[in-house]
Amino acid sequence: MIQNDEIAGIVEEYDRLKLRIGMTASHSALDICDGAIEEGFPTVAYCKEGRHKTYANYFKTHRSSSGRVVRGMVDKAIVLNEFNDVMKPSMQAEMRKRNVIYIPNRSFTSYSKISDIEDNFRVPMFGSRNMLRMEERTEEQDYYWILEKAGLPYPEAIPSPEDIDCLVIVKLHHAQKKLERGFFTCASYKEYQEKSAALLAEGVIDQESLDGARIERYVIGPVFNLNFFYSPLAEKGERLELLGVDWRFESSLDGHVRLPAPQQMTMPLHQQIPEMTVVGHNTATIRESLLEKAFELGEKFIEASKEHYDPGIVGPFCLQTCIDKDMNYYIYDVAPRLGGGTNVHVSVGHPYGNATWRKPMSSGRRIAMELRMAAEQDRLLEVLT
């Protein structure tokens, strides 16, 4: 792990009046860029050839003669052959020369090795570098580990397929789509065998991933991604913010549920089992009587992160939850960085974040605001790792 004193040495060489916000140009990059522009930071997006026009053309920044942004939010799009080219020493040197603060998102941690991010990415990062590894379910100290340490609720694990006696979800990677999921549900060992055999035959999953899959009780209820922000700069009692809530559109699952049951039953076998590929998000609110519980989840996660990961969570994190019929939360996934659904609040902000700050406050803008306050207060090392 890159040590704090090395990051401190890099930050010492930065011109704090000319900081730039950089990110991998995918996932939540537009939210990051939009928020940065709102807070007066120039932006640089590191793009992959063939996926760069969104950033280099369509959302390119245009500024007036006085420097005011009149269109877009991407000041500079650097086009790379591969996303992982940001790991090249020459590219990192250029980032440091540009005073770049890198904002990690899921694309960054998926296209680059976690070990490289921890040990070889010598660019100051906003947030908790040492917590990114917990997102991998193959790690011993994955997010289930910290949820257990924190005493937080999560769906019960089923030890083996033979023990399935209720509706469960089988969690594993998609065999063909690097960043997607090959999840499926079943309610018996027989159904597990039938569905896994069909998905193996279709090439959606592979045997190695199936053997290492996590099987857990399926919580029947709506899903809410709780987009939190933790500020070490704020006054005690005000450091945790719930900025907003989002939920997902998943293909082909959402397409299945739009069909009448008789039509679903006539599908051929290869269409009967839906995939759960996230293709979009929408915004949501939760009933006010459930807000206190949501904050309790966030506070417990923060305390556990401080105990097990120095300095603990910093900045944005997302607890992905289901709420059952008895209004109990269950956390089924954790993002120790900016969540994937925050683009729904680009420009207009999150409902709760707006109410807290009395102005449009997206997750991207909240990151930029924290960075600006840290620079002004000479406290950058409290938010960078």
Protein backbone atom coordinates (compact mmCIF):
# COMPACT_ATOMS: atom_id res chain seq x y z
CA MET A 1 0.00 0.00 0.00
CA ILE A 2 1.31 3.46 -0.92
CA GLN A 3 2.04 5.18 2.37
CA ASN A 4 0.53 8.46 3.51
CA ASP A 5 3.90 10.19 3.67
CA GLU A 6 4.48 9.47 -0.03
CA ILE A 7 1.10 11.00 -0.92
CA ALA A 8 1.91 13.92 1.37
CA GLY A 9 5.15 14.50 -0.54
CA ILE A 10 3.29 14.52 -3.85
CA VAL A 11 0.61 16.89 -2.55
CA GLU A 12 3.31 19.20 -1.22
CA GLU A 13 4.49 19.71 -4.81
CA TYR A 14 0.98 20.48 -6.10
CA ASP A 15 -0.20 24.01 -6.83
CA ARG A 16 -3.27 24.07 -4.62
CA LEU A 17 -4.77 26.93 -6.59
CA LYS A 18 -4.68 24.85 -9.77
CA LEU A 19 -6.02 21.47 -8.71
CA ARG A 20 -7.73 19.39 -11.41
CA ILE A 21 -10.25 16.62 -10.86
CA GLY A 22 -9.60 13.48 -12.89
CA MET A 23 -11.39 10.17 -13.28
CA THR A 24 -11.80 7.08 -15.44
CA ALA A 25 -14.30 8.10 -18.12
CA SER A 26 -17.08 5.64 -17.41
CA HIS A 27 -19.53 4.67 -14.64
CA SER A 28 -20.08 7.98 -12.78
CA ALA A 29 -17.64 10.25 -14.61
CA LEU A 30 -20.29 12.72 -15.76
CA ASP A 31 -21.46 13.23 -12.17
CA ILE A 32 -17.87 13.83 -11.06
CA CYS A 33 -17.20 16.29 -13.90
CA ASP A 34 -20.45 18.19 -13.44
CA GLY A 35 -19.86 18.60 -9.71
CA ALA A 36 -16.28 19.69 -10.25
CA ILE A 37 -17.31 22.38 -12.74
CA GLU A 38 -19.97 23.67 -10.33
CA GLU A 39 -17.28 24.13 -7.68
CA GLY A 40 -14.77 25.76 -10.03
CA PHE A 41 -12.40 22.86 -10.74
CA PRO A 42 -11.21 22.01 -14.25
CA THR A 43 -11.78 18.38 -15.23
CA VAL A 44 -9.82 15.74 -17.10
CA ALA A 45 -11.42 12.47 -18.18
CA TYR A 46 -9.26 9.46 -19.02
CA CYS A 47 -11.10 7.73 -21.86
CA LYS A 48 -10.81 4.48 -23.80
CA GLU A 49 -10.55 4.68 -27.57
CA GLY A 50 -13.93 3.84 -29.05
CA ARG A 51 -15.79 5.03 -25.94
CA HIS A 52 -14.42 8.55 -25.82
CA LYS A 53 -16.89 10.68 -27.83
CA THR A 54 -19.31 11.03 -24.92
CA TYR A 55 -16.61 12.97 -23.08
CA ALA A 56 -14.47 14.39 -25.89
CA ASN A 57 -17.36 15.61 -28.05
CA TYR A 58 -20.85 15.59 -26.60
CA PHE A 59 -20.09 16.85 -23.09
CA LYS A 60 -16.97 18.83 -23.93
CA THR A 61 -16.63 22.05 -21.96
CA HIS A 62 -17.01 25.39 -23.72
CA ARG A 63 -15.95 28.48 -21.81
CA SER A 64 -16.54 32.18 -22.40
CA SER A 65 -13.64 34.62 -22.84
CA SER A 66 -13.75 35.19 -19.08
CA GLY A 67 -13.45 31.45 -18.37
CA ARG A 68 -17.09 30.88 -17.38
CA VAL A 69 -18.45 27.49 -18.44
CA VAL A 70 -21.32 27.94 -20.90
CA ARG A 71 -21.66 24.34 -22.08
CA GLY A 72 -20.60 20.85 -20.98
CA MET A 73 -18.36 19.70 -18.15
CA VAL A 74 -15.32 17.85 -19.55
CA ASP A 75 -12.42 20.27 -19.99
CA LYS A 76 -9.96 17.72 -21.33
CA ALA A 77 -10.52 14.19 -22.59
CA ILE A 78 -7.36 12.10 -22.81
CA VAL A 79 -7.94 9.14 -25.10
CA LEU A 80 -6.07 5.94 -24.21
CA ASN A 81 -5.83 2.57 -25.93
CA GLU A 82 -7.03 0.92 -22.73
CA PHE A 83 -8.42 2.26 -19.45
CA ASN A 84 -5.54 0.61 -17.62
CA ASP A 85 -3.06 2.90 -19.42
CA VAL A 86 -3.54 5.31 -16.51
CA MET A 87 -1.17 2.97 -14.67
CA LYS A 88 1.74 3.81 -16.99
CA PRO A 89 4.43 5.77 -15.07
CA SER A 90 4.52 8.39 -17.84
CA MET A 91 0.75 8.93 -17.56
CA GLN A 92 0.96 9.23 -13.78
CA ALA A 93 3.79 11.73 -14.10
CA GLU A 94 1.60 13.80 -16.43
CA MET A 95 -1.24 13.65 -13.90
CA ARG A 96 1.03 14.91 -11.15
CA LYS A 97 2.27 17.67 -13.43
CA ARG A 98 -1.37 18.70 -13.99
CA ASN A 99 -2.11 18.67 -10.20
CA VAL A 100 -4.71 15.93 -10.72
CA ILE A 101 -6.74 14.57 -7.83
CA TYR A 102 -8.17 11.23 -8.98
CA ILE A 103 -11.70 10.21 -8.01
CA PRO A 104 -12.04 6.40 -7.99
CA ASN A 105 -15.15 4.77 -9.46
CA ARG A 106 -16.05 1.17 -10.22
CA SER A 107 -14.64 1.30 -13.74
CA PHE A 108 -11.27 2.36 -12.33
CA THR A 109 -11.20 -0.61 -9.92
CA SER A 110 -12.47 -3.02 -12.59
CA TYR A 111 -10.17 -2.15 -15.49
CA SER A 112 -7.10 -1.76 -13.27
CA LYS A 113 -5.88 -4.31 -10.73
CA ILE A 114 -6.62 -3.46 -7.12
CA SER A 115 -3.02 -4.31 -6.23
CA ASP A 116 -1.78 -1.73 -8.77
CA ILE A 117 -4.15 0.90 -7.37
CA GLU A 118 -2.89 0.15 -3.86
CA ASP A 119 0.82 -0.08 -4.60
CA ASN A 120 1.65 1.57 -7.93
CA PHE A 121 -0.80 4.42 -8.59
CA ARG A 122 1.20 7.38 -7.33
CA VAL A 123 -1.49 9.99 -7.78
CA PRO A 124 -3.43 11.47 -4.85
CA MET A 125 -6.88 9.90 -4.65
CA PHE A 126 -9.96 11.31 -2.99
CA GLY A 127 -11.37 8.77 -0.57
CA SER A 128 -10.22 5.52 0.99
CA ARG A 129 -7.67 3.74 -1.19
CA ASN A 130 -7.29 0.84 1.24
CA MET A 131 -11.02 0.02 1.28
CA LEU A 132 -11.50 -0.53 -2.46
CA ARG A 133 -10.43 -4.18 -2.22
CA MET A 134 -13.41 -5.09 -0.02
CA GLU A 135 -15.70 -4.85 -3.04
CA GLU A 136 -14.36 -8.11 -4.43
CA ARG A 137 -16.45 -11.01 -3.11
CA THR A 138 -13.46 -13.36 -3.56
CA GLU A 139 -11.51 -11.51 -0.86
CA GLU A 140 -11.43 -12.88 2.68
CA GLN A 141 -12.12 -9.39 4.03
CA ASP A 142 -14.89 -8.54 1.57
CA TYR A 143 -17.83 -6.29 2.35
CA TYR A 144 -19.68 -9.13 4.10
CA TRP A 145 -16.75 -9.28 6.52
CA ILE A 146 -17.05 -5.64 7.51
CA LEU A 147 -20.85 -5.83 7.64
CA GLU A 148 -20.51 -8.65 10.15
CA LYS A 149 -17.92 -6.71 12.15
CA ALA A 150 -20.23 -3.69 12.18
CA GLY A 151 -23.26 -5.72 13.27
CA LEU A 152 -25.15 -4.64 10.15
CA PRO A 153 -27.98 -6.71 8.63
CA TYR A 154 -27.35 -8.62 5.41
CA PRO A 155 -29.06 -11.58 3.74
CA GLU A 156 -28.36 -14.96 5.33
CA ALA A 157 -25.83 -17.10 3.47
CA ILE A 158 -26.84 -20.60 2.38
CA PRO A 159 -23.87 -22.98 2.89
CA SER A 160 -24.37 -25.19 -0.18
CA PRO A 161 -26.86 -25.76 -3.02
CA GLU A 162 -28.21 -28.85 -1.28
CA ASP A 163 -29.33 -26.62 1.63
CA ILE A 164 -31.61 -24.42 -0.48
CA ASP A 165 -35.07 -24.45 1.12
CA CYS A 166 -36.39 -20.99 0.19
CA LEU A 167 -36.02 -18.42 -2.56
CA VAL A 168 -32.31 -17.62 -2.90
CA ILE A 169 -30.08 -15.60 -5.20
CA VAL A 170 -26.85 -17.11 -6.51
CA LYS A 171 -24.20 -14.42 -6.91
CA LEU A 172 -21.38 -14.92 -9.41
CA HIS A 173 -19.65 -13.15 -12.29
CA HIS A 174 -20.87 -13.24 -15.87
CA ALA A 175 -18.64 -15.49 -17.99
CA GLN A 176 -18.61 -13.26 -21.08
CA LYS A 177 -19.24 -9.71 -19.83
CA LYS A 178 -16.31 -8.63 -17.66
CA LEU A 179 -18.16 -6.13 -15.48
CA GLU A 180 -21.57 -7.80 -15.34
CA ARG A 181 -23.25 -10.38 -13.17
CA GLY A 182 -24.41 -13.91 -13.86
CA PHE A 183 -26.84 -13.88 -10.92
CA PHE A 184 -29.85 -16.18 -10.88
CA THR A 185 -32.59 -17.09 -8.43
CA CYS A 186 -33.98 -20.47 -7.42
CA ALA A 187 -36.04 -21.99 -4.62
CA SER A 188 -34.81 -25.60 -4.47
CA TYR A 189 -31.77 -27.71 -5.23
CA LYS A 190 -33.54 -29.13 -8.27
CA GLU A 191 -34.19 -25.64 -9.64
CA TYR A 192 -30.57 -24.70 -8.90
CA GLN A 193 -29.38 -27.65 -10.97
CA GLU A 194 -31.73 -26.89 -13.86
CA LYS A 195 -30.94 -23.16 -14.04
CA SER A 196 -27.20 -23.49 -13.56
CA ALA A 197 -27.07 -26.17 -16.27
CA ALA A 198 -28.99 -23.90 -18.67
CA LEU A 199 -26.75 -20.90 -17.94
CA LEU A 200 -23.61 -23.00 -18.29
CA ALA A 201 -24.83 -24.26 -21.66
CA GLU A 202 -25.54 -20.69 -22.80
CA GLY A 203 -22.09 -19.53 -21.68
CA VAL A 204 -23.55 -16.96 -19.27
CA ILE A 205 -21.66 -18.50 -16.33
CA ASP A 206 -18.71 -20.89 -16.01
CA GLN A 207 -18.14 -23.78 -13.64
CA GLU A 208 -15.29 -22.12 -11.72
CA SER A 209 -17.43 -19.09 -10.86
CA LEU A 210 -20.39 -21.32 -10.02
CA ASP A 211 -18.28 -23.36 -7.61
CA GLY A 212 -17.24 -20.16 -5.82
CA ALA A 213 -20.62 -18.45 -5.92
CA ARG A 214 -22.29 -17.00 -2.85
CA ILE A 215 -25.81 -18.26 -2.25
CA GLU A 216 -27.98 -16.12 0.01
CA ARG A 217 -31.58 -15.80 1.02
CA TYR A 218 -33.49 -13.55 -1.37
CA VAL A 219 -35.02 -10.60 0.45
CA ILE A 220 -38.39 -9.84 -1.08
CA GLY A 221 -38.80 -6.09 -1.23
CA PRO A 222 -37.80 -2.94 -3.13
CA VAL A 223 -34.13 -2.06 -3.53
CA PHE A 224 -32.71 1.28 -2.45
CA ASN A 225 -29.11 2.37 -2.97
CA LEU A 226 -28.28 4.75 -0.12
CA ASN A 227 -25.73 7.31 -1.35
CA PHE A 228 -23.90 8.58 1.73
CA PHE A 229 -21.07 11.04 2.21
CA TYR A 230 -18.73 11.16 5.20
CA SER A 231 -16.81 14.39 5.80
CA PRO A 232 -13.87 14.39 8.24
CA LEU A 233 -13.84 18.19 7.88
CA ALA A 234 -17.36 18.75 9.24
CA GLU A 235 -18.42 19.37 12.81
CA LYS A 236 -19.04 16.28 14.93
CA GLY A 237 -22.64 15.17 14.52
CA GLU A 238 -22.83 16.55 10.98
CA ARG A 239 -20.17 14.43 9.30
CA LEU A 240 -22.54 11.84 7.83
CA GLU A 241 -24.86 12.97 5.04
CA LEU A 242 -27.45 10.98 3.11
CA LEU A 243 -27.31 12.74 -0.23
CA GLY A 244 -29.80 10.66 -2.13
CA VAL A 245 -31.31 7.30 -3.04
CA ASP A 246 -31.42 5.53 -6.39
CA TRP A 247 -32.65 2.24 -7.80
CA ARG A 248 -31.72 0.27 -10.91
CA PHE A 249 -33.10 -0.72 -14.27
CA GLU A 250 -31.83 -4.22 -15.06
CA SER A 251 -31.90 -6.04 -18.38
CA SER A 252 -33.36 -8.46 -19.09
CA LEU A 253 -35.04 -8.68 -15.67
CA ASP A 254 -37.11 -5.52 -16.13
CA GLY A 255 -38.14 -6.68 -19.57
CA HIS A 256 -39.39 -9.95 -18.10
CA VAL A 257 -41.53 -8.32 -15.42
CA ARG A 258 -43.26 -6.18 -18.08
CA LEU A 259 -44.64 -9.32 -19.71
CA PRO A 260 -47.81 -11.12 -18.59
CA ALA A 261 -47.14 -14.46 -16.87
CA PRO A 262 -48.63 -16.60 -19.69
CA GLN A 263 -46.27 -14.89 -22.16
CA GLN A 264 -43.31 -15.52 -19.88
CA MET A 265 -44.19 -19.21 -19.70
CA THR A 266 -44.12 -19.61 -23.49
CA MET A 267 -40.54 -18.40 -23.83
CA PRO A 268 -37.90 -20.92 -24.95
CA LEU A 269 -35.52 -22.02 -22.21
CA HIS A 270 -32.70 -19.65 -23.19
CA GLN A 271 -35.04 -16.67 -22.67
CA GLN A 272 -36.77 -17.83 -19.51
CA ILE A 273 -33.94 -17.04 -17.11
CA PRO A 274 -33.46 -13.26 -16.90
CA GLU A 275 -30.07 -11.62 -16.62
CA MET A 276 -29.51 -8.74 -14.19
CA THR A 277 -27.37 -6.33 -16.19
CA VAL A 278 -27.63 -2.76 -14.89
CA VAL A 279 -28.49 -0.44 -17.77
CA GLY A 280 -29.77 2.65 -15.95
CA HIS A 281 -30.91 4.21 -12.69
CA ASN A 282 -33.72 6.30 -11.33
CA THR A 283 -34.08 8.51 -8.28
CA ALA A 284 -36.16 7.69 -5.23
CA THR A 285 -37.00 8.77 -1.72
CA ILE A 286 -37.82 6.57 1.27
CA ARG A 287 -40.54 7.14 3.84
CA GLU A 288 -39.41 9.46 6.60
CA SER A 289 -39.90 6.89 9.36
CA LEU A 290 -37.17 4.81 7.69
CA LEU A 291 -34.61 7.63 7.47
CA GLU A 292 -33.40 7.26 11.05
CA LYS A 293 -32.62 3.59 10.41
CA ALA A 294 -30.77 4.51 7.22
CA PHE A 295 -28.52 6.91 9.11
CA GLU A 296 -27.91 4.23 11.76
CA LEU A 297 -26.66 1.89 9.03
CA GLY A 298 -24.30 4.58 7.78
CA GLU A 299 -22.97 5.41 11.25
CA LYS A 300 -22.27 1.76 12.07
CA PHE A 301 -20.46 1.29 8.78
CA ILE A 302 -18.31 4.37 9.45
CA GLU A 303 -17.34 3.18 12.93
CA ALA A 304 -16.37 -0.28 11.66
CA SER A 305 -14.36 1.27 8.81
CA LYS A 306 -12.40 3.40 11.27
CA GLU A 307 -11.68 0.39 13.43
CA HIS A 308 -10.46 -1.89 10.65
CA TYR A 309 -9.21 0.48 7.91
CA ASP A 310 -7.13 3.50 8.87
CA PRO A 311 -8.39 6.25 8.46
CA GLY A 312 -11.75 4.65 7.62
CA ILE A 313 -14.20 5.68 4.96
CA VAL A 314 -13.73 9.17 3.51
CA GLY A 315 -16.17 10.85 1.15
CA PRO A 316 -18.85 8.99 -0.80
CA PHE A 317 -19.98 5.43 -0.13
CA CYS A 318 -23.07 3.48 -1.06
CA LEU A 319 -24.99 0.87 0.92
CA GLN A 320 -27.21 -1.11 -1.43
CA THR A 321 -30.24 -2.30 0.50
CA CYS A 322 -33.53 -4.17 0.32
CA ILE A 323 -36.40 -3.39 2.67
CA ASP A 324 -38.71 -6.27 3.57
CA LYS A 325 -42.41 -6.21 4.48
CA ASP A 326 -41.59 -5.57 8.14
CA MET A 327 -39.56 -2.49 7.14
CA ASN A 328 -36.23 -4.11 7.96
CA TYR A 329 -33.16 -3.14 5.94
CA TYR A 330 -30.80 -5.75 4.51
CA ILE A 331 -27.52 -4.67 2.93
CA TYR A 332 -26.73 -6.82 -0.08
CA ASP A 333 -23.80 -4.84 -1.53
CA VAL A 334 -21.38 -2.07 -0.52
CA ALA A 335 -19.50 0.46 -2.64
CA PRO A 336 -16.67 2.09 -0.64
CA ARG A 337 -16.52 4.89 -3.24
CA LEU A 338 -18.91 6.81 -5.50
CA GLY A 339 -21.98 4.70 -6.33
CA GLY A 340 -23.04 3.77 -9.83
CA GLY A 341 -26.43 5.46 -9.79
CA THR A 342 -25.45 9.02 -8.99
CA ASN A 343 -25.69 10.22 -12.59
CA VAL A 344 -29.46 10.50 -12.08
CA HIS A 345 -28.71 13.60 -10.02
CA VAL A 346 -26.31 15.35 -12.41
CA SER A 347 -27.00 19.10 -12.40
CA VAL A 348 -30.24 18.87 -10.36
CA GLY A 349 -28.69 17.28 -7.26
CA HIS A 350 -30.01 14.71 -4.79
CA PRO A 351 -33.29 15.41 -2.94
CA TYR A 352 -31.74 15.02 0.51
CA GLY A 353 -28.45 16.66 -0.44
CA ASN A 354 -30.32 19.65 -1.86
CA ALA A 355 -32.34 19.98 1.33
CA THR A 356 -29.23 19.75 3.50
CA TRP A 357 -27.19 22.34 1.60
CA ARG A 358 -30.06 24.52 0.30
CA LYS A 359 -28.72 24.31 -3.25
CA PRO A 360 -28.36 21.60 -5.92
CA MET A 361 -26.01 19.04 -4.35
CA SER A 362 -25.08 15.98 -6.38
CA SER A 363 -22.52 13.46 -5.17
CA GLY A 364 -20.03 14.84 -7.68
CA ARG A 365 -20.50 18.36 -6.41
CA ARG A 366 -20.22 17.23 -2.79
CA ILE A 367 -16.85 15.62 -3.57
CA ALA A 368 -15.61 18.81 -5.23
CA MET A 369 -16.92 20.97 -2.39
CA GLU A 370 -15.07 18.84 0.17
CA LEU A 371 -11.90 19.04 -1.88
CA ARG A 372 -12.18 22.81 -2.16
CA MET A 373 -12.76 23.19 1.60
CA ALA A 374 -9.82 20.89 2.35
CA ALA A 375 -7.54 22.97 0.11
CA GLU A 376 -8.72 26.24 1.66
CA GLN A 377 -8.26 24.90 5.21
CA ASP A 378 -4.88 23.26 4.44
CA ARG A 379 -6.41 19.84 5.29
CA LEU A 380 -6.00 18.01 1.97
CA LEU A 381 -4.28 15.05 3.60
CA GLU A 382 -7.42 14.35 5.62
CA VAL A 383 -9.38 13.54 2.46
CA LEU A 384 -6.66 12.17 0.14
CA THR A 385 -4.94 8.78 0.22
